[in-house]
PDB file of all heavy atoms in Angstrom:
ATOM      1  N   GLN A   1       0.830  -1.199   0.000  1.00  0.00           N
ATOM      2  CA  GLN A   1       0.000   0.000   0.000  1.00  0.00           C
ATOM      3  C   GLN A   1       0.870   1.257   0.000  1.00  0.00           C
ATOM      4  O   GLN A   1       1.900   1.317   0.676  1.00  0.00           O
ATOM      5  CB  GLN A   1      -0.915   0.003   1.223  1.00  0.00           C
ATOM      6  CG  GLN A   1      -1.979  -1.077   1.181  1.00  0.00           C
ATOM      7  CD  GLN A   1      -2.692  -1.227   2.513  1.00  0.00           C
ATOM      8  OE1 GLN A   1      -2.114  -0.974   3.567  1.00  0.00           O
ATOM      9  NE2 GLN A   1      -3.938  -1.634   2.452  1.00  0.00           N
ATOM     10  N   PRO A   2       0.446   2.274  -0.719  1.00  0.00           N
ATOM     11  CA  PRO A   2       1.210   3.523  -0.705  1.00  0.00           C
ATOM     12  C   PRO A   2       1.003   4.272   0.599  1.00  0.00           C
ATOM     13  O   PRO A   2      -0.047   4.149   1.249  1.00  0.00           O
ATOM     14  CB  PRO A   2       0.613   4.301  -1.875  1.00  0.00           C
ATOM     15  CG  PRO A   2      -0.809   3.830  -1.937  1.00  0.00           C
ATOM     16  CD  PRO A   2      -0.748   2.367  -1.578  1.00  0.00           C
ATOM     17  N   ASN A   3       1.999   5.023   1.012  1.00  0.00           N
ATOM     18  CA  ASN A   3       1.763   5.996   2.066  1.00  0.00           C
ATOM     19  C   ASN A   3       0.791   7.045   1.531  1.00  0.00           C
ATOM     20  O   ASN A   3       0.658   7.236   0.318  1.00  0.00           O
ATOM     21  CB  ASN A   3       3.075   6.660   2.479  1.00  0.00           C
ATOM     22  CG  ASN A   3       4.101   5.658   2.960  1.00  0.00           C
ATOM     23  OD1 ASN A   3       3.816   4.804   3.789  1.00  0.00           O
ATOM     24  ND2 ASN A   3       5.316   5.739   2.415  1.00  0.00           N
ATOM     25  N   ILE A   4       0.114   7.741   2.420  1.00  0.00           N
ATOM     26  CA  ILE A   4      -0.843   8.768   2.013  1.00  0.00           C
ATOM     27  C   ILE A   4      -0.530  10.050   2.775  1.00  0.00           C
ATOM     28  O   ILE A   4      -0.428  10.041   4.008  1.00  0.00           O
ATOM     29  CB  ILE A   4      -2.291   8.342   2.294  1.00  0.00           C
ATOM     30  CG1 ILE A   4      -2.626   7.038   1.552  1.00  0.00           C
ATOM     31  CG2 ILE A   4      -3.267   9.446   1.877  1.00  0.00           C
ATOM     32  CD1 ILE A   4      -4.007   6.485   1.870  1.00  0.00           C
ATOM     33  N   VAL A   5      -0.369  11.146   2.046  1.00  0.00           N
ATOM     34  CA  VAL A   5      -0.181  12.466   2.645  1.00  0.00           C
ATOM     35  C   VAL A   5      -1.327  13.361   2.169  1.00  0.00           C
ATOM     36  O   VAL A   5      -1.477  13.600   0.967  1.00  0.00           O
ATOM     37  CB  VAL A   5       1.178  13.078   2.259  1.00  0.00           C
ATOM     38  CG1 VAL A   5       1.278  14.514   2.779  1.00  0.00           C
ATOM     39  CG2 VAL A   5       2.320  12.239   2.825  1.00  0.00           C
ATOM     40  N   LEU A   6      -2.128  13.808   3.107  1.00  0.00           N
ATOM     41  CA  LEU A   6      -3.237  14.714   2.822  1.00  0.00           C
ATOM     42  C   LEU A   6      -2.795  16.133   3.177  1.00  0.00           C
ATOM     43  O   LEU A   6      -2.543  16.438   4.351  1.00  0.00           O
ATOM     44  CB  LEU A   6      -4.468  14.319   3.634  1.00  0.00           C
ATOM     45  CG  LEU A   6      -5.681  15.250   3.564  1.00  0.00           C
ATOM     46  CD1 LEU A   6      -6.159  15.450   2.132  1.00  0.00           C
ATOM     47  CD2 LEU A   6      -6.814  14.707   4.439  1.00  0.00           C
ATOM     48  N   LEU A   7      -2.657  16.959   2.169  1.00  0.00           N
ATOM     49  CA  LEU A   7      -2.269  18.358   2.340  1.00  0.00           C
ATOM     50  C   LEU A   7      -3.534  19.199   2.237  1.00  0.00           C
ATOM     51  O   LEU A   7      -4.145  19.272   1.169  1.00  0.00           O
ATOM     52  CB  LEU A   7      -1.263  18.771   1.265  1.00  0.00           C
ATOM     53  CG  LEU A   7       0.018  17.937   1.194  1.00  0.00           C
ATOM     54  CD1 LEU A   7       0.786  18.257  -0.083  1.00  0.00           C
ATOM     55  CD2 LEU A   7       0.887  18.175   2.427  1.00  0.00           C
ATOM     56  N   MET A   8      -3.926  19.821   3.341  1.00  0.00           N
ATOM     57  CA  MET A   8      -5.191  20.547   3.368  1.00  0.00           C
ATOM     58  C   MET A   8      -4.966  21.974   3.847  1.00  0.00           C
ATOM     59  O   MET A   8      -4.352  22.209   4.885  1.00  0.00           O
ATOM     60  CB  MET A   8      -6.190  19.856   4.281  1.00  0.00           C
ATOM     61  CG  MET A   8      -7.588  20.457   4.222  1.00  0.00           C
ATOM     62  SD  MET A   8      -8.785  19.468   5.136  1.00  0.00           S
ATOM     63  CE  MET A   8     -10.317  20.192   4.545  1.00  0.00           C
ATOM     64  N   THR A   9      -5.436  22.922   3.040  1.00  0.00           N
ATOM     65  CA  THR A   9      -5.418  24.319   3.443  1.00  0.00           C
ATOM     66  C   THR A   9      -6.818  24.716   3.878  1.00  0.00           C
ATOM     67  O   THR A   9      -7.782  23.963   3.716  1.00  0.00           O
ATOM     68  CB  THR A   9      -4.942  25.218   2.295  1.00  0.00           C
ATOM     69  OG1 THR A   9      -5.751  24.953   1.139  1.00  0.00           O
ATOM     70  CG2 THR A   9      -3.487  24.955   1.969  1.00  0.00           C
ATOM     71  N   ASP A  10      -6.938  25.908   4.428  1.00  0.00           N
ATOM     72  CA  ASP A  10      -8.227  26.385   4.934  1.00  0.00           C
ATOM     73  C   ASP A  10      -8.594  27.687   4.226  1.00  0.00           C
ATOM     74  O   ASP A  10      -7.850  28.667   4.288  1.00  0.00           O
ATOM     75  CB  ASP A  10      -8.134  26.621   6.446  1.00  0.00           C
ATOM     76  CG  ASP A  10      -9.486  26.833   7.098  1.00  0.00           C
ATOM     77  OD1 ASP A  10     -10.440  27.242   6.399  1.00  0.00           O
ATOM     78  OD2 ASP A  10      -9.601  26.597   8.311  1.00  0.00           O
ATOM     79  N   GLN A  11      -9.716  27.669   3.539  1.00  0.00           N
ATOM     80  CA  GLN A  11     -10.255  28.865   2.899  1.00  0.00           C
ATOM     81  C   GLN A  11      -9.405  29.298   1.700  1.00  0.00           C
ATOM     82  O   GLN A  11      -9.237  30.487   1.452  1.00  0.00           O
ATOM     83  CB  GLN A  11     -10.399  30.000   3.917  1.00  0.00           C
ATOM     84  CG  GLN A  11     -11.481  31.017   3.598  1.00  0.00           C
ATOM     85  CD  GLN A  11     -11.888  31.837   4.813  1.00  0.00           C
ATOM     86  OE1 GLN A  11     -12.507  31.332   5.737  1.00  0.00           O
ATOM     87  NE2 GLN A  11     -11.564  33.117   4.831  1.00  0.00           N
ATOM     88  N   GLN A  12      -8.880  28.327   0.962  1.00  0.00           N
ATOM     89  CA  GLN A  12      -8.089  28.650  -0.220  1.00  0.00           C
ATOM     90  C   GLN A  12      -8.979  28.692  -1.447  1.00  0.00           C
ATOM     91  O   GLN A  12      -9.539  27.679  -1.868  1.00  0.00           O
ATOM     92  CB  GLN A  12      -6.963  27.632  -0.441  1.00  0.00           C
ATOM     93  CG  GLN A  12      -6.131  27.963  -1.685  1.00  0.00           C
ATOM     94  CD  GLN A  12      -4.920  27.086  -1.840  1.00  0.00           C
ATOM     95  OE1 GLN A  12      -4.491  26.411  -0.900  1.00  0.00           O
ATOM     96  NE2 GLN A  12      -4.340  27.063  -3.029  1.00  0.00           N
ATOM     97  N   ARG A  13      -9.057  29.843  -2.047  1.00  0.00           N
ATOM     98  CA  ARG A  13      -9.913  30.010  -3.218  1.00  0.00           C
ATOM     99  C   ARG A  13      -9.261  29.387  -4.452  1.00  0.00           C
ATOM    100  O   ARG A  13      -8.053  29.524  -4.678  1.00  0.00           O
ATOM    101  CB  ARG A  13     -10.159  31.495  -3.451  1.00  0.00           C
ATOM    102  CG  ARG A  13     -11.014  31.798  -4.668  1.00  0.00           C
ATOM    103  CD  ARG A  13     -11.558  33.178  -4.589  1.00  0.00           C
ATOM    104  NE  ARG A  13     -12.035  33.665  -5.863  1.00  0.00           N
ATOM    105  CZ  ARG A  13     -12.623  34.846  -6.037  1.00  0.00           C
ATOM    106  NH1 ARG A  13     -12.785  35.655  -4.998  1.00  0.00           N
ATOM    107  NH2 ARG A  13     -13.034  35.220  -7.226  1.00  0.00           N
ATOM    108  N   ALA A  14     -10.056  28.709  -5.257  1.00  0.00           N
ATOM    109  CA  ALA A  14      -9.563  28.133  -6.501  1.00  0.00           C
ATOM    110  C   ALA A  14      -9.140  29.244  -7.458  1.00  0.00           C
ATOM    111  O   ALA A  14      -9.704  30.338  -7.460  1.00  0.00           O
ATOM    112  CB  ALA A  14     -10.645  27.272  -7.148  1.00  0.00           C
ATOM    113  N   GLY A  15      -8.120  28.954  -8.269  1.00  0.00           N
ATOM    114  CA  GLY A  15      -7.691  29.890  -9.288  1.00  0.00           C
ATOM    115  C   GLY A  15      -6.580  30.822  -8.887  1.00  0.00           C
ATOM    116  O   GLY A  15      -6.243  31.737  -9.650  1.00  0.00           O
ATOM    117  N   PHE A  16      -5.956  30.618  -7.718  1.00  0.00           N
ATOM    118  CA  PHE A  16      -4.935  31.540  -7.240  1.00  0.00           C
ATOM    119  C   PHE A  16      -3.558  30.899  -7.159  1.00  0.00           C
ATOM    120  O   PHE A  16      -2.739  31.276  -6.323  1.00  0.00           O
ATOM    121  CB  PHE A  16      -5.358  32.171  -5.910  1.00  0.00           C
ATOM    122  CG  PHE A  16      -6.296  33.338  -6.108  1.00  0.00           C
ATOM    123  CD1 PHE A  16      -7.615  33.122  -6.456  1.00  0.00           C
ATOM    124  CD2 PHE A  16      -5.843  34.635  -6.000  1.00  0.00           C
ATOM    125  CE1 PHE A  16      -8.482  34.185  -6.675  1.00  0.00           C
ATOM    126  CE2 PHE A  16      -6.700  35.712  -6.215  1.00  0.00           C
ATOM    127  CZ  PHE A  16      -8.022  35.490  -6.557  1.00  0.00           C
ATOM    128  N   THR A  17      -3.313  29.911  -8.028  1.00  0.00           N
ATOM    129  CA  THR A  17      -1.969  29.388  -8.231  1.00  0.00           C
ATOM    130  C   THR A  17      -1.680  29.424  -9.733  1.00  0.00           C
ATOM    131  O   THR A  17      -2.598  29.516 -10.559  1.00  0.00           O
ATOM    132  CB  THR A  17      -1.843  27.937  -7.733  1.00  0.00           C
ATOM    133  OG1 THR A  17      -2.657  27.081  -8.552  1.00  0.00           O
ATOM    134  CG2 THR A  17      -2.272  27.821  -6.274  1.00  0.00           C
ATOM    135  N   ALA A  18      -0.414  29.345 -10.095  1.00  0.00           N
ATOM    136  CA  ALA A  18      -0.044  29.417 -11.516  1.00  0.00           C
ATOM    137  C   ALA A  18      -0.641  28.265 -12.304  1.00  0.00           C
ATOM    138  O   ALA A  18      -1.076  28.438 -13.452  1.00  0.00           O
ATOM    139  CB  ALA A  18       1.481  29.437 -11.652  1.00  0.00           C
ATOM    140  N   ALA A  19      -0.684  27.067 -11.708  1.00  0.00           N
ATOM    141  CA  ALA A  19      -1.253  25.920 -12.407  1.00  0.00           C
ATOM    142  C   ALA A  19      -2.738  26.084 -12.671  1.00  0.00           C
ATOM    143  O   ALA A  19      -3.287  25.419 -13.559  1.00  0.00           O
ATOM    144  CB  ALA A  19      -1.007  24.643 -11.602  1.00  0.00           C
ATOM    145  N   GLU A  20      -3.378  26.972 -11.918  1.00  0.00           N
ATOM    146  CA  GLU A  20      -4.806  27.243 -12.096  1.00  0.00           C
ATOM    147  C   GLU A  20      -5.047  28.529 -12.877  1.00  0.00           C
ATOM    148  O   GLU A  20      -6.169  29.017 -12.951  1.00  0.00           O
ATOM    149  CB  GLU A  20      -5.497  27.337 -10.734  1.00  0.00           C
ATOM    150  CG  GLU A  20      -5.405  26.077  -9.898  1.00  0.00           C
ATOM    151  CD  GLU A  20      -5.935  26.278  -8.484  1.00  0.00           C
ATOM    152  OE1 GLU A  20      -5.677  27.346  -7.874  1.00  0.00           O
ATOM    153  OE2 GLU A  20      -6.611  25.366  -7.990  1.00  0.00           O
ATOM    154  N   GLY A  21      -3.982  29.093 -13.446  1.00  0.00           N
ATOM    155  CA  GLY A  21      -4.123  30.303 -14.229  1.00  0.00           C
ATOM    156  C   GLY A  21      -3.988  31.583 -13.445  1.00  0.00           C
ATOM    157  O   GLY A  21      -4.271  32.674 -13.965  1.00  0.00           O
ATOM    158  N   GLY A  22      -3.523  31.508 -12.201  1.00  0.00           N
ATOM    159  CA  GLY A  22      -3.374  32.685 -11.352  1.00  0.00           C
ATOM    160  C   GLY A  22      -1.921  33.016 -11.084  1.00  0.00           C
ATOM    161  O   GLY A  22      -1.021  32.579 -11.816  1.00  0.00           O
ATOM    162  N   PRO A  23      -1.650  33.776 -10.024  1.00  0.00           N
ATOM    163  CA  PRO A  23      -0.270  34.148  -9.678  1.00  0.00           C
ATOM    164  C   PRO A  23       0.557  32.923  -9.279  1.00  0.00           C
ATOM    165  O   PRO A  23       0.013  31.891  -8.883  1.00  0.00           O
ATOM    166  CB  PRO A  23      -0.456  35.117  -8.489  1.00  0.00           C
ATOM    167  CG  PRO A  23      -1.887  35.513  -8.514  1.00  0.00           C
ATOM    168  CD  PRO A  23      -2.636  34.377  -9.117  1.00  0.00           C
ATOM    169  N   ASP A  24       1.867  33.066  -9.345  1.00  0.00           N
ATOM    170  CA  ASP A  24       2.773  31.963  -9.030  1.00  0.00           C
ATOM    171  C   ASP A  24       2.966  31.874  -7.522  1.00  0.00           C
ATOM    172  O   ASP A  24       4.027  32.203  -6.980  1.00  0.00           O
ATOM    173  CB  ASP A  24       4.111  32.169  -9.736  1.00  0.00           C
ATOM    174  CG  ASP A  24       5.007  30.939  -9.636  1.00  0.00           C
ATOM    175  OD1 ASP A  24       4.486  29.852  -9.328  1.00  0.00           O
ATOM    176  OD2 ASP A  24       6.221  31.083  -9.861  1.00  0.00           O
ATOM    177  N   THR A  25       1.952  31.395  -6.844  1.00  0.00           N
ATOM    178  CA  THR A  25       1.953  31.362  -5.381  1.00  0.00           C
ATOM    179  C   THR A  25       2.469  30.055  -4.797  1.00  0.00           C
ATOM    180  O   THR A  25       3.041  30.037  -3.719  1.00  0.00           O
ATOM    181  CB  THR A  25       0.529  31.592  -4.845  1.00  0.00           C
ATOM    182  OG1 THR A  25      -0.354  30.644  -5.481  1.00  0.00           O
ATOM    183  CG2 THR A  25       0.048  33.006  -5.133  1.00  0.00           C
ATOM    184  N   MET A  26       2.272  28.935  -5.502  1.00  0.00           N
ATOM    185  CA  MET A  26       2.600  27.630  -4.935  1.00  0.00           C
ATOM    186  C   MET A  26       3.391  26.801  -5.951  1.00  0.00           C
ATOM    187  O   MET A  26       2.929  25.752  -6.412  1.00  0.00           O
ATOM    188  CB  MET A  26       1.316  26.907  -4.488  1.00  0.00           C
ATOM    189  CG  MET A  26       0.449  27.736  -3.555  1.00  0.00           C
ATOM    190  SD  MET A  26      -0.951  26.840  -2.830  1.00  0.00           S
ATOM    191  CE  MET A  26      -0.181  26.194  -1.319  1.00  0.00           C
ATOM    192  N   PRO A  27       4.604  27.236  -6.300  1.00  0.00           N
ATOM    193  CA  PRO A  27       5.362  26.529  -7.345  1.00  0.00           C
ATOM    194  C   PRO A  27       5.725  25.098  -6.973  1.00  0.00           C
ATOM    195  O   PRO A  27       5.772  24.222  -7.841  1.00  0.00           O
ATOM    196  CB  PRO A  27       6.605  27.402  -7.530  1.00  0.00           C
ATOM    197  CG  PRO A  27       6.725  28.208  -6.265  1.00  0.00           C
ATOM    198  CD  PRO A  27       5.316  28.435  -5.820  1.00  0.00           C
ATOM    199  N   ARG A  28       6.005  24.839  -5.697  1.00  0.00           N
ATOM    200  CA  ARG A  28       6.397  23.476  -5.318  1.00  0.00           C
ATOM    201  C   ARG A  28       5.218  22.513  -5.454  1.00  0.00           C
ATOM    202  O   ARG A  28       5.351  21.392  -5.960  1.00  0.00           O
ATOM    203  CB  ARG A  28       6.934  23.489  -3.879  1.00  0.00           C
ATOM    204  CG  ARG A  28       7.661  22.210  -3.477  1.00  0.00           C
ATOM    205  CD  ARG A  28       8.960  22.026  -4.249  1.00  0.00           C
ATOM    206  NE  ARG A  28       9.588  20.743  -3.974  1.00  0.00           N
ATOM    207  CZ  ARG A  28      10.488  20.545  -3.009  1.00  0.00           C
ATOM    208  NH1 ARG A  28      10.880  21.555  -2.244  1.00  0.00           N
ATOM    209  NH2 ARG A  28      11.027  19.357  -2.828  1.00  0.00           N
ATOM    210  N   LEU A  29       4.056  22.953  -5.008  1.00  0.00           N
ATOM    211  CA  LEU A  29       2.871  22.117  -5.157  1.00  0.00           C
ATOM    212  C   LEU A  29       2.497  21.955  -6.622  1.00  0.00           C
ATOM    213  O   LEU A  29       2.074  20.877  -7.056  1.00  0.00           O
ATOM    214  CB  LEU A  29       1.699  22.714  -4.375  1.00  0.00           C
ATOM    215  CG  LEU A  29       1.619  22.325  -2.894  1.00  0.00           C
ATOM    216  CD1 LEU A  29       0.600  23.176  -2.171  1.00  0.00           C
ATOM    217  CD2 LEU A  29       1.285  20.858  -2.737  1.00  0.00           C
ATOM    218  N   ASP A  30       2.642  23.019  -7.400  1.00  0.00           N
ATOM    219  CA  ASP A  30       2.349  22.915  -8.827  1.00  0.00           C
ATOM    220  C   ASP A  30       3.251  21.878  -9.497  1.00  0.00           C
ATOM    221  O   ASP A  30       2.792  21.091 -10.346  1.00  0.00           O
ATOM    222  CB  ASP A  30       2.528  24.281  -9.508  1.00  0.00           C
ATOM    223  CG  ASP A  30       1.369  25.224  -9.229  1.00  0.00           C
ATOM    224  OD1 ASP A  30       0.349  24.773  -8.669  1.00  0.00           O
ATOM    225  OD2 ASP A  30       1.490  26.420  -9.576  1.00  0.00           O
ATOM    226  N   ARG A  31       4.540  21.853  -9.127  1.00  0.00           N
ATOM    227  CA  ARG A  31       5.453  20.867  -9.718  1.00  0.00           C
ATOM    228  C   ARG A  31       5.088  19.449  -9.276  1.00  0.00           C
ATOM    229  O   ARG A  31       5.136  18.501 -10.059  1.00  0.00           O
ATOM    230  CB  ARG A  31       6.899  21.180  -9.332  1.00  0.00           C
ATOM    231  CG  ARG A  31       7.459  22.413 -10.020  1.00  0.00           C
ATOM    232  CD  ARG A  31       8.975  22.436  -9.949  1.00  0.00           C
ATOM    233  NE  ARG A  31       9.478  22.456  -8.582  1.00  0.00           N
ATOM    234  CZ  ARG A  31       9.683  23.576  -7.881  1.00  0.00           C
ATOM    235  NH1 ARG A  31       9.394  24.758  -8.410  1.00  0.00           N
ATOM    236  NH2 ARG A  31      10.168  23.518  -6.653  1.00  0.00           N
ATOM    237  N   LEU A  32       4.714  19.311  -8.014  1.00  0.00           N
ATOM    238  CA  LEU A  32       4.344  17.992  -7.492  1.00  0.00           C
ATOM    239  C   LEU A  32       3.156  17.423  -8.258  1.00  0.00           C
ATOM    240  O   LEU A  32       3.183  16.279  -8.718  1.00  0.00           O
ATOM    241  CB  LEU A  32       4.020  18.091  -6.000  1.00  0.00           C
ATOM    242  CG  LEU A  32       3.520  16.806  -5.329  1.00  0.00           C
ATOM    243  CD1 LEU A  32       4.632  15.767  -5.268  1.00  0.00           C
ATOM    244  CD2 LEU A  32       3.001  17.108  -3.919  1.00  0.00           C
ATOM    245  N   PHE A  33       2.123  18.238  -8.428  1.00  0.00           N
ATOM    246  CA  PHE A  33       0.893  17.731  -9.036  1.00  0.00           C
ATOM    247  C   PHE A  33       0.889  17.853 -10.556  1.00  0.00           C
ATOM    248  O   PHE A  33      -0.084  17.452 -11.198  1.00  0.00           O
ATOM    249  CB  PHE A  33      -0.313  18.410  -8.405  1.00  0.00           C
ATOM    250  CG  PHE A  33      -0.553  17.958  -6.991  1.00  0.00           C
ATOM    251  CD1 PHE A  33      -0.164  18.746  -5.915  1.00  0.00           C
ATOM    252  CD2 PHE A  33      -1.100  16.718  -6.737  1.00  0.00           C
ATOM    253  CE1 PHE A  33      -0.346  18.322  -4.621  1.00  0.00           C
ATOM    254  CE2 PHE A  33      -1.294  16.272  -5.438  1.00  0.00           C
ATOM    255  CZ  PHE A  33      -0.915  17.065  -4.372  1.00  0.00           C
ATOM    256  N   ALA A  34       1.973  18.363 -11.139  1.00  0.00           N
ATOM    257  CA  ALA A  34       2.115  18.280 -12.588  1.00  0.00           C
ATOM    258  C   ALA A  34       2.184  16.826 -13.026  1.00  0.00           C
ATOM    259  O   ALA A  34       1.856  16.497 -14.173  1.00  0.00           O
ATOM    260  CB  ALA A  34       3.364  19.030 -13.040  1.00  0.00           C
ATOM    261  N   ASP A  35       2.595  15.939 -12.123  1.00  0.00           N
ATOM    262  CA  ASP A  35       2.644  14.506 -12.398  1.00  0.00           C
ATOM    263  C   ASP A  35       1.411  13.789 -11.874  1.00  0.00           C
ATOM    264  O   ASP A  35       1.420  12.567 -11.716  1.00  0.00           O
ATOM    265  CB  ASP A  35       3.896  13.889 -11.764  1.00  0.00           C
ATOM    266  CG  ASP A  35       5.175  14.340 -12.442  1.00  0.00           C
ATOM    267  OD1 ASP A  35       5.116  14.618 -13.665  1.00  0.00           O
ATOM    268  OD2 ASP A  35       6.201  14.444 -11.763  1.00  0.00           O
ATOM    269  N   GLY A  36       0.353  14.540 -11.591  1.00  0.00           N
ATOM    270  CA  GLY A  36      -0.851  13.940 -11.047  1.00  0.00           C
ATOM    271  C   GLY A  36      -2.099  14.361 -11.805  1.00  0.00           C
ATOM    272  O   GLY A  36      -2.035  14.862 -12.925  1.00  0.00           O
ATOM    273  N   ALA A  37      -3.228  14.161 -11.179  1.00  0.00           N
ATOM    274  CA  ALA A  37      -4.527  14.493 -11.769  1.00  0.00           C
ATOM    275  C   ALA A  37      -5.099  15.711 -11.063  1.00  0.00           C
ATOM    276  O   ALA A  37      -5.239  15.715  -9.829  1.00  0.00           O
ATOM    277  CB  ALA A  37      -5.483  13.308 -11.642  1.00  0.00           C
ATOM    278  N   ARG A  38      -5.422  16.733 -11.828  1.00  0.00           N
ATOM    279  CA  ARG A  38      -6.041  17.942 -11.299  1.00  0.00           C
ATOM    280  C   ARG A  38      -7.508  17.976 -11.705  1.00  0.00           C
ATOM    281  O   ARG A  38      -7.877  17.557 -12.802  1.00  0.00           O
ATOM    282  CB  ARG A  38      -5.343  19.193 -11.813  1.00  0.00           C
ATOM    283  CG  ARG A  38      -4.002  19.474 -11.153  1.00  0.00           C
ATOM    284  CD  ARG A  38      -3.458  20.832 -11.586  1.00  0.00           C
ATOM    285  NE  ARG A  38      -2.257  21.184 -10.860  1.00  0.00           N
ATOM    286  CZ  ARG A  38      -2.239  21.828  -9.686  1.00  0.00           C
ATOM    287  NH1 ARG A  38      -3.379  22.162  -9.123  1.00  0.00           N
ATOM    288  NH2 ARG A  38      -1.102  22.119  -9.094  1.00  0.00           N
ATOM    289  N   PHE A  39      -8.322  18.536 -10.807  1.00  0.00           N
ATOM    290  CA  PHE A  39      -9.760  18.630 -11.041  1.00  0.00           C
ATOM    291  C   PHE A  39     -10.177  20.096 -10.892  1.00  0.00           C
ATOM    292  O   PHE A  39     -10.590  20.535  -9.819  1.00  0.00           O
ATOM    293  CB  PHE A  39     -10.514  17.748 -10.053  1.00  0.00           C
ATOM    294  CG  PHE A  39     -10.282  16.279 -10.266  1.00  0.00           C
ATOM    295  CD1 PHE A  39      -9.214  15.642  -9.644  1.00  0.00           C
ATOM    296  CD2 PHE A  39     -11.108  15.535 -11.096  1.00  0.00           C
ATOM    297  CE1 PHE A  39      -8.986  14.284  -9.842  1.00  0.00           C
ATOM    298  CE2 PHE A  39     -10.889  14.177 -11.298  1.00  0.00           C
ATOM    299  CZ  PHE A  39      -9.817  13.549 -10.675  1.00  0.00           C
ATOM    300  N   PRO A  40     -10.068  20.872 -11.975  1.00  0.00           N
ATOM    301  CA  PRO A  40     -10.376  22.303 -11.874  1.00  0.00           C
ATOM    302  C   PRO A  40     -11.845  22.619 -11.640  1.00  0.00           C
ATOM    303  O   PRO A  40     -12.182  23.760 -11.337  1.00  0.00           O
ATOM    304  CB  PRO A  40      -9.900  22.861 -13.221  1.00  0.00           C
ATOM    305  CG  PRO A  40      -9.854  21.691 -14.140  1.00  0.00           C
ATOM    306  CD  PRO A  40      -9.526  20.511 -13.289  1.00  0.00           C
ATOM    307  N   ARG A  41     -12.726  21.613 -11.763  1.00  0.00           N
ATOM    308  CA  ARG A  41     -14.144  21.844 -11.492  1.00  0.00           C
ATOM    309  C   ARG A  41     -14.573  21.076 -10.239  1.00  0.00           C
ATOM    310  O   ARG A  41     -15.618  20.426 -10.193  1.00  0.00           O
ATOM    311  CB  ARG A  41     -15.005  21.460 -12.688  1.00  0.00           C
ATOM    312  CG  ARG A  41     -14.674  22.234 -13.956  1.00  0.00           C
ATOM    313  CD  ARG A  41     -15.841  22.260 -14.906  1.00  0.00           C
ATOM    314  NE  ARG A  41     -16.912  23.140 -14.442  1.00  0.00           N
ATOM    315  CZ  ARG A  41     -18.144  23.168 -14.947  1.00  0.00           C
ATOM    316  NH1 ARG A  41     -18.466  22.345 -15.931  1.00  0.00           N
ATOM    317  NH2 ARG A  41     -19.054  24.000 -14.477  1.00  0.00           N
ATOM    318  N   ALA A  42     -13.753  21.179  -9.202  1.00  0.00           N
ATOM    319  CA  ALA A  42     -14.066  20.553  -7.919  1.00  0.00           C
ATOM    320  C   ALA A  42     -14.825  21.544  -7.045  1.00  0.00           C
ATOM    321  O   ALA A  42     -14.562  22.746  -7.059  1.00  0.00           O
ATOM    322  CB  ALA A  42     -12.792  20.101  -7.218  1.00  0.00           C
TER     323      ALA A  42
END
C-alpha cells in the first residue's frame, strides 16, 4: 500500500496558483501535481 499524505489548506480560493491560471503562489505544489490528476471543477 502507498503511504498517504493529505495536504489541506483552509479557505483557499480556486484559481490563485499558476497551475490554475493565477499568480505563481505555490510553485512546489504545482510541480508535485504536474505529475498527477487535477480537477479544476471541484
